[in-house]
């Protein structure tokens, strides 16, 4: 495992900041967003139990964990102490995969209101598409309308690519 240096971390932080700014600009420009709904429905009660056993008491119902505000509080609380690293790792296995959406929505895993890939338009089609949509907005043109079935087809293709990369590694 290669440890990342300060320069790598700085570039990563700049890319995340750029993607967050792009998401804000693309809200009304028809972008493609990465949304993350939080915990798998069947794992919500288990996640709630782990959090309560760790001392996190700011939770009335398990479903609250899949709201941005509660998720942020819970993960912030766990992250505040090194003694909860194990619980955080277990909880990460209970999370859904992020999905592609033509509508902005929260990305709970990152704890943000909206997130869009934008920084690699030469490598990834979604980033290229978001660049094109933002350019249309800047030029005063209407965004390209996205049909739900096209977004679903793109999501399916991206999942297949992720799976292939996983198995190749």
Protein backbone atom coordinates (compact mmCIF):
# COMPACT_ATOMS: atom_id res chain seq x y z
CA UNK A 1 0.00 0.00 0.00
CA UNK A 2 1.48 3.33 -1.07
CA UNK A 3 0.99 6.18 1.34
CA UNK A 4 -0.30 9.39 -0.23
CA UNK A 5 1.77 12.49 0.15
CA UNK A 6 0.63 16.02 0.91
CA UNK A 7 0.49 16.92 -2.80
CA UNK A 8 -1.83 13.99 -3.56
CA UNK A 9 -4.13 14.93 -0.69
CA UNK A 10 -4.18 18.57 -1.85
CA UNK A 11 -5.14 17.54 -5.39
CA UNK A 12 -7.89 15.24 -4.04
CA UNK A 13 -9.30 18.05 -1.88
CA UNK A 14 -9.25 20.46 -4.83
CA UNK A 15 -11.05 17.91 -7.01
CA UNK A 16 -13.75 17.38 -4.37
CA UNK A 17 -14.17 21.16 -3.99
CA UNK A 18 -14.48 21.52 -7.77
CA UNK A 19 -17.05 18.70 -7.97
CA UNK A 20 -19.10 20.32 -5.18
CA UNK A 21 -19.00 23.70 -6.95
CA UNK A 22 -20.01 22.02 -10.21
CA UNK A 23 -22.98 20.36 -8.48
CA UNK A 24 -24.18 23.75 -7.23
CA UNK A 25 -23.93 25.24 -10.73
CA UNK A 26 -25.54 22.23 -12.42
CA UNK A 27 -28.68 22.14 -10.23
CA UNK A 28 -30.65 24.07 -12.83
CA UNK A 29 -28.50 23.14 -15.83
CA UNK A 30 -29.52 19.49 -16.22
CA UNK A 31 -26.40 17.81 -14.89
CA UNK A 32 -25.77 14.23 -13.86
CA UNK A 33 -25.40 13.85 -10.10
CA UNK A 34 -23.91 11.22 -7.84
CA UNK A 35 -26.50 10.57 -5.14
CA UNK A 36 -25.99 8.34 -2.14
CA UNK A 37 -29.06 7.38 -0.14
CA UNK A 38 -27.16 6.05 2.88
CA UNK A 39 -27.69 2.70 4.52
CA UNK A 40 -29.28 -0.33 2.90
CA UNK A 41 -32.86 -0.61 4.12
CA UNK A 42 -32.28 -4.10 5.50
CA UNK A 43 -29.23 -2.87 7.47
CA UNK A 44 -30.75 0.26 9.02
CA UNK A 45 -31.69 -1.39 12.32
CA UNK A 46 -28.25 -3.02 12.61
CA UNK A 47 -26.58 0.34 11.94
CA UNK A 48 -28.79 1.95 14.57
CA UNK A 49 -27.88 -0.76 17.10
CA UNK A 50 -24.14 -0.33 16.46
CA UNK A 51 -24.41 3.44 16.88
CA UNK A 52 -26.43 3.16 20.09
CA UNK A 53 -24.02 0.55 21.50
CA UNK A 54 -21.19 2.99 20.75
CA UNK A 55 -22.94 5.69 22.76
CA UNK A 56 -24.59 7.72 19.99
CA UNK A 57 -27.98 8.55 21.48
CA UNK A 58 -29.17 11.29 19.11
CA UNK A 59 -31.45 8.94 17.19
CA UNK A 60 -35.19 8.34 17.58
CA UNK A 61 -35.87 5.98 14.67
CA UNK A 62 -33.51 3.98 12.47
CA UNK A 63 -34.88 5.69 9.32
CA UNK A 64 -33.43 8.99 10.52
CA UNK A 65 -29.97 7.64 9.69
CA UNK A 66 -30.76 8.10 6.01
CA UNK A 67 -31.28 11.83 6.37
CA UNK A 68 -28.33 14.09 5.63
CA UNK A 69 -28.44 15.89 8.96
CA UNK A 70 -28.55 12.75 11.14
CA UNK A 71 -26.00 10.91 9.01
CA UNK A 72 -23.59 13.84 9.33
CA UNK A 73 -24.05 13.94 13.12
CA UNK A 74 -23.60 10.19 13.52
CA UNK A 75 -20.49 9.96 11.36
CA UNK A 76 -19.05 13.11 12.91
CA UNK A 77 -19.60 11.67 16.35
CA UNK A 78 -17.91 8.38 15.41
CA UNK A 79 -15.08 10.19 13.67
CA UNK A 80 -14.36 12.32 16.71
CA UNK A 81 -12.80 9.36 18.50
CA UNK A 82 -10.21 6.81 17.33
CA UNK A 83 -11.87 4.19 19.53
CA UNK A 84 -14.83 4.05 17.10
CA UNK A 85 -12.80 3.23 13.97
CA UNK A 86 -13.99 -0.39 14.05
CA UNK A 87 -17.66 0.61 14.24
CA UNK A 88 -17.18 3.08 11.38
CA UNK A 89 -15.65 0.33 9.23
CA UNK A 90 -18.55 -2.03 9.96
CA UNK A 91 -21.10 0.69 9.18
CA UNK A 92 -19.39 1.42 5.86
CA UNK A 93 -20.27 -2.12 4.77
CA UNK A 94 -23.96 -1.39 5.40
CA UNK A 95 -24.07 1.47 2.89
CA UNK A 96 -25.77 1.47 -0.49
CA UNK A 97 -23.77 2.21 -3.61
CA UNK A 98 -23.96 5.74 -4.95
CA UNK A 99 -26.18 6.07 -8.01
CA UNK A 100 -26.37 8.36 -10.99
CA UNK A 101 -29.32 10.74 -11.17
CA UNK A 102 -30.51 13.56 -13.39
CA UNK A 103 -31.91 15.21 -10.24
CA UNK A 104 -29.65 16.67 -7.55
CA UNK A 105 -29.87 14.86 -4.25
CA UNK A 106 -27.78 14.30 -1.15
CA UNK A 107 -24.65 12.20 -1.14
CA UNK A 108 -24.78 10.89 2.41
CA UNK A 109 -21.45 9.08 2.20
CA UNK A 110 -19.75 12.42 1.64
CA UNK A 111 -22.18 14.33 3.85
CA UNK A 112 -23.09 16.88 1.16
CA UNK A 113 -26.37 18.17 -0.31
CA UNK A 114 -25.33 17.50 -3.92
CA UNK A 115 -22.29 16.07 -5.71
CA UNK A 116 -21.45 15.88 -9.41
CA UNK A 117 -18.40 14.40 -11.13
CA UNK A 118 -16.71 17.13 -13.15
CA UNK A 119 -12.92 16.91 -12.86
CA UNK A 120 -12.10 14.14 -15.36
CA UNK A 121 -13.89 14.95 -18.63
CA UNK A 122 -11.23 13.17 -20.71
CA UNK A 123 -11.63 9.90 -18.78
CA UNK A 124 -15.28 9.79 -17.81
CA UNK A 125 -18.36 10.43 -19.90
CA UNK A 126 -20.41 11.73 -16.95
CA UNK A 127 -17.80 14.42 -16.29
CA UNK A 128 -17.71 15.31 -20.00
CA UNK A 129 -21.51 15.55 -20.08
CA UNK A 130 -21.49 17.84 -17.02
CA UNK A 131 -18.91 20.07 -18.72
CA UNK A 132 -21.14 20.29 -21.80
CA UNK A 133 -24.20 21.13 -19.68
CA UNK A 134 -22.34 23.84 -17.79
CA UNK A 135 -21.04 25.28 -21.07
CA UNK A 136 -24.62 25.39 -22.38
CA UNK A 137 -25.66 27.25 -19.23
CA UNK A 138 -22.83 29.76 -19.63
CA UNK A 139 -23.77 30.27 -23.30
CA UNK A 140 -27.41 30.90 -22.32
CA UNK A 141 -28.62 27.75 -24.08
CA UNK A 142 -31.16 25.23 -22.84
CA UNK A 143 -29.67 22.11 -21.22
CA UNK A 144 -29.80 18.79 -23.01
CA UNK A 145 -32.88 16.99 -21.67
CA UNK A 146 -32.15 13.63 -20.10
CA UNK A 147 -34.64 10.81 -20.37
CA UNK A 148 -34.85 8.62 -17.24
CA UNK A 149 -34.20 5.47 -19.30
CA UNK A 150 -30.98 7.01 -20.69
CA UNK A 151 -29.76 7.80 -17.17
CA UNK A 152 -30.63 4.24 -16.08
CA UNK A 153 -28.78 2.76 -19.06
CA UNK A 154 -25.72 4.87 -18.24
CA UNK A 155 -25.92 3.79 -14.58
CA UNK A 156 -26.09 0.12 -15.64
CA UNK A 157 -23.05 0.57 -17.89
CA UNK A 158 -21.11 2.27 -15.10
CA UNK A 159 -21.92 -0.58 -12.69
CA UNK A 160 -20.69 -3.11 -15.25
CA UNK A 161 -17.45 -1.14 -15.67
CA UNK A 162 -16.94 -0.96 -11.89
CA UNK A 163 -17.52 -4.69 -11.62
CA UNK A 164 -15.06 -5.44 -14.43
CA UNK A 165 -12.42 -3.19 -12.82
CA UNK A 166 -12.98 -4.87 -9.44
CA UNK A 167 -12.54 -8.35 -10.87
CA UNK A 168 -9.53 -7.28 -12.95
CA UNK A 169 -7.81 -6.02 -9.82
